[in-house]
Amino acid sequence: MYKNMKRLNFLIIIFVWLPCTSSQCDKEKCHKRIEFVNNSPKDIYTCTFIPRKPTDTLEFYKWFPNLARSPHQYKVKSGEKSSYALVSQRKSCFENEISVSGFVIYVFDAEVLETVPWDTVGKYYMVLRTIRPTLEEMQRNNWTITFTGE
C-alpha cells in the first residue's frame, strides 16, 4: 500500500510539474505587451493594429475608437514609458500576429487627438508616425519601441 501511494504521489508530481514548466517556456516566447518609450518632446497616443488587408491601415479610425477617450491606457507623456499602450488586440502573442499578418503601431500627436474630431483624423490620415516592426526587430530590441519623434 505504501509503495502504491508513493508511486501515485510521484505521478501526480510529474503530471503537475511538467505542464507548469512547459507553460513557463511558452510565456517567455509569448509577448502580449510591448513597452513604448516616448523620448520625443511631445505627448503622444499610440496603439497597435492588426490589418486584415492592406487597405485597412488607411481606414484605421473605423476599427477602433478615438484613443483620446482612454488617455490612461494609450497616452504616453514626453520622457515616459508605457507597458499598457501597446497590448495585443487579439489577446494572443505578438509573435503570432507578426508572423501571420504583421501589425502596425500608430503614433499620434496628443494635441491633435485631443482637439480634432476622430473621423477627421482618419479622413486626413493625421498620423504622426506609422511603425511596422518585424519579428526580428522586436526580438533585437527586447520588445521595446523607442520613439524619438524623428
Protein backbone atom coordinates (compact mmCIF):
# COMPACT_ATOMS: atom_id res chain seq x y z
CA MET A 1 0.00 0.00 0.00
CA TYR A 2 2.82 2.41 0.89
CA LYS A 3 4.56 1.69 -2.46
CA ASN A 4 1.37 2.40 -4.39
CA MET A 5 0.86 5.68 -2.53
CA LYS A 6 4.45 6.70 -3.18
CA ARG A 7 4.11 5.87 -6.88
CA LEU A 8 0.83 7.80 -7.07
CA ASN A 9 2.43 10.87 -5.44
CA PHE A 10 5.32 10.64 -7.89
CA LEU A 11 2.93 10.50 -10.87
CA ILE A 12 0.93 13.45 -9.54
CA ILE A 13 4.09 15.50 -9.17
CA ILE A 14 5.17 14.62 -12.71
CA PHE A 15 1.77 15.47 -14.21
CA VAL A 16 1.58 18.77 -12.34
CA TRP A 17 5.23 19.78 -12.77
CA LEU A 18 5.53 19.03 -16.49
CA PRO A 19 2.71 21.31 -17.72
CA CYS A 20 3.86 24.07 -15.38
CA THR A 21 7.37 24.05 -16.75
CA SER A 22 6.25 23.88 -20.37
CA SER A 23 3.82 26.77 -19.93
CA GLN A 24 6.62 28.81 -18.38
CA CYS A 25 8.66 28.30 -21.53
CA ASP A 26 5.72 29.46 -23.64
CA LYS A 27 5.37 32.59 -21.52
CA GLU A 28 8.97 33.51 -22.27
CA LYS A 29 8.26 33.21 -26.00
CA CYS A 30 4.91 34.98 -25.85
CA HIS A 31 4.69 38.75 -25.66
CA LYS A 32 1.25 40.28 -25.22
CA ARG A 33 2.61 43.74 -24.42
CA ILE A 34 5.23 45.94 -25.98
CA GLU A 35 6.96 48.59 -23.93
CA PHE A 36 6.79 52.00 -25.58
CA VAL A 37 9.32 54.69 -24.65
CA ASN A 38 8.50 58.26 -25.66
CA ASN A 39 11.77 60.18 -25.99
CA SER A 40 10.14 62.87 -28.13
CA PRO A 41 9.38 66.40 -26.90
CA LYS A 42 5.62 65.80 -27.43
CA ASP A 43 3.00 63.82 -25.56
CA ILE A 44 1.64 61.14 -27.88
CA TYR A 45 -1.01 58.47 -28.15
CA THR A 46 -0.12 55.07 -29.52
CA CYS A 47 -1.82 51.78 -30.30
CA THR A 48 -1.38 48.60 -32.29
CA PHE A 49 -3.48 47.48 -35.21
CA ILE A 50 -3.52 44.14 -36.99
CA PRO A 51 -4.76 44.77 -40.54
CA ARG A 52 -6.91 42.14 -42.20
CA LYS A 53 -5.98 43.55 -45.60
CA PRO A 54 -3.53 46.29 -46.70
CA THR A 55 -6.22 48.95 -47.16
CA ASP A 56 -7.28 48.58 -43.51
CA THR A 57 -4.30 50.66 -42.43
CA LEU A 58 -5.75 53.68 -44.23
CA GLU A 59 -9.11 53.20 -42.52
CA PHE A 60 -7.76 52.61 -39.00
CA TYR A 61 -10.23 55.07 -37.50
CA LYS A 62 -13.12 52.76 -38.41
CA TRP A 63 -11.64 49.85 -36.46
CA PHE A 64 -11.17 51.41 -33.05
CA PRO A 65 -12.47 54.45 -31.14
CA ASN A 66 -10.64 57.72 -30.54
CA LEU A 67 -7.69 56.94 -28.28
CA ALA A 68 -8.04 60.29 -26.52
CA ARG A 69 -11.09 58.85 -24.76
CA SER A 70 -8.75 56.49 -22.87
CA PRO A 71 -5.65 58.54 -22.04
CA HIS A 72 -4.86 56.35 -19.03
CA GLN A 73 -4.18 53.50 -21.46
CA TYR A 74 -2.97 55.00 -24.73
CA LYS A 75 -1.28 58.29 -23.84
CA VAL A 76 2.47 58.33 -23.28
CA LYS A 77 3.84 61.62 -22.00
CA SER A 78 7.13 63.03 -23.16
CA GLY A 79 10.04 61.32 -21.40
CA GLU A 80 7.89 58.46 -20.08
CA LYS A 81 7.40 54.80 -20.96
CA SER A 82 4.30 52.68 -21.02
CA SER A 83 3.64 48.96 -20.89
CA TYR A 84 -0.11 49.45 -21.35
CA ALA A 85 -0.43 51.39 -24.60
CA LEU A 86 0.66 48.53 -26.86
CA VAL A 87 -1.31 45.44 -25.91
CA SER A 88 -2.25 42.61 -28.23
CA GLN A 89 -5.74 43.26 -29.61
CA ARG A 90 -6.49 39.60 -30.06
CA LYS A 91 -5.11 38.59 -26.68
CA SER A 92 -2.65 36.34 -28.47
CA CYS A 93 1.10 36.59 -28.69
CA PHE A 94 2.57 39.35 -30.84
CA GLU A 95 4.92 36.70 -32.22
CA ASN A 96 1.90 35.01 -33.87
CA GLU A 97 0.37 38.26 -35.07
CA ILE A 98 3.59 39.45 -36.68
CA SER A 99 4.22 36.16 -38.47
CA VAL A 100 0.63 35.78 -39.75
CA SER A 101 -0.46 39.25 -40.86
CA GLY A 102 2.05 41.69 -39.46
CA PHE A 103 0.98 44.59 -37.33
CA VAL A 104 1.12 48.35 -37.32
CA ILE A 105 1.88 50.74 -34.49
CA TYR A 106 0.27 54.14 -34.87
CA VAL A 107 1.69 57.19 -33.12
CA PHE A 108 -0.48 60.31 -32.86
CA ASP A 109 0.29 63.79 -31.60
CA ALA A 110 -1.69 64.13 -28.35
CA GLU A 111 -2.63 67.71 -29.11
CA VAL A 112 -4.18 66.66 -32.43
CA LEU A 113 -6.21 63.80 -30.95
CA GLU A 114 -7.44 65.99 -28.11
CA THR A 115 -8.63 68.81 -30.39
CA VAL A 116 -9.57 67.29 -33.79
CA PRO A 117 -12.59 65.00 -34.33
CA TRP A 118 -11.64 61.33 -34.75
CA ASP A 119 -13.23 60.95 -38.19
CA THR A 120 -11.23 63.99 -39.40
CA VAL A 121 -8.03 62.43 -38.03
CA GLY A 122 -8.84 59.31 -40.04
CA LYS A 123 -10.02 61.07 -43.20
CA TYR A 124 -6.80 63.11 -43.47
CA TYR A 125 -4.58 60.36 -42.05
CA MET A 126 -3.31 62.66 -39.30
CA VAL A 127 -0.85 60.07 -38.01
CA LEU A 128 2.43 61.32 -36.60
CA ARG A 129 4.26 58.06 -37.35
CA THR A 130 3.39 54.58 -38.60
CA ILE A 131 5.72 51.83 -37.40
CA ARG A 132 5.70 48.35 -38.95
CA PRO A 133 8.20 46.32 -36.94
CA THR A 134 9.38 42.88 -37.96
CA LEU A 135 9.68 39.98 -35.57
CA GLU A 136 13.47 40.20 -35.77
CA GLU A 137 13.42 43.92 -34.90
CA MET A 138 11.16 43.32 -31.91
CA GLN A 139 13.33 40.48 -30.62
CA ARG A 140 16.52 42.51 -31.16
CA ASN A 141 15.03 45.48 -29.25
CA ASN A 142 13.73 43.29 -26.40
CA TRP A 143 10.09 44.05 -27.28
CA THR A 144 10.56 47.78 -26.75
CA ILE A 145 9.74 50.59 -29.19
CA THR A 146 11.63 53.83 -28.59
CA PHE A 147 10.07 56.85 -30.25
CA THR A 148 12.26 59.94 -30.66
CA GLY A 149 9.91 61.99 -32.79
CA GLU A 150 12.25 61.98 -35.76
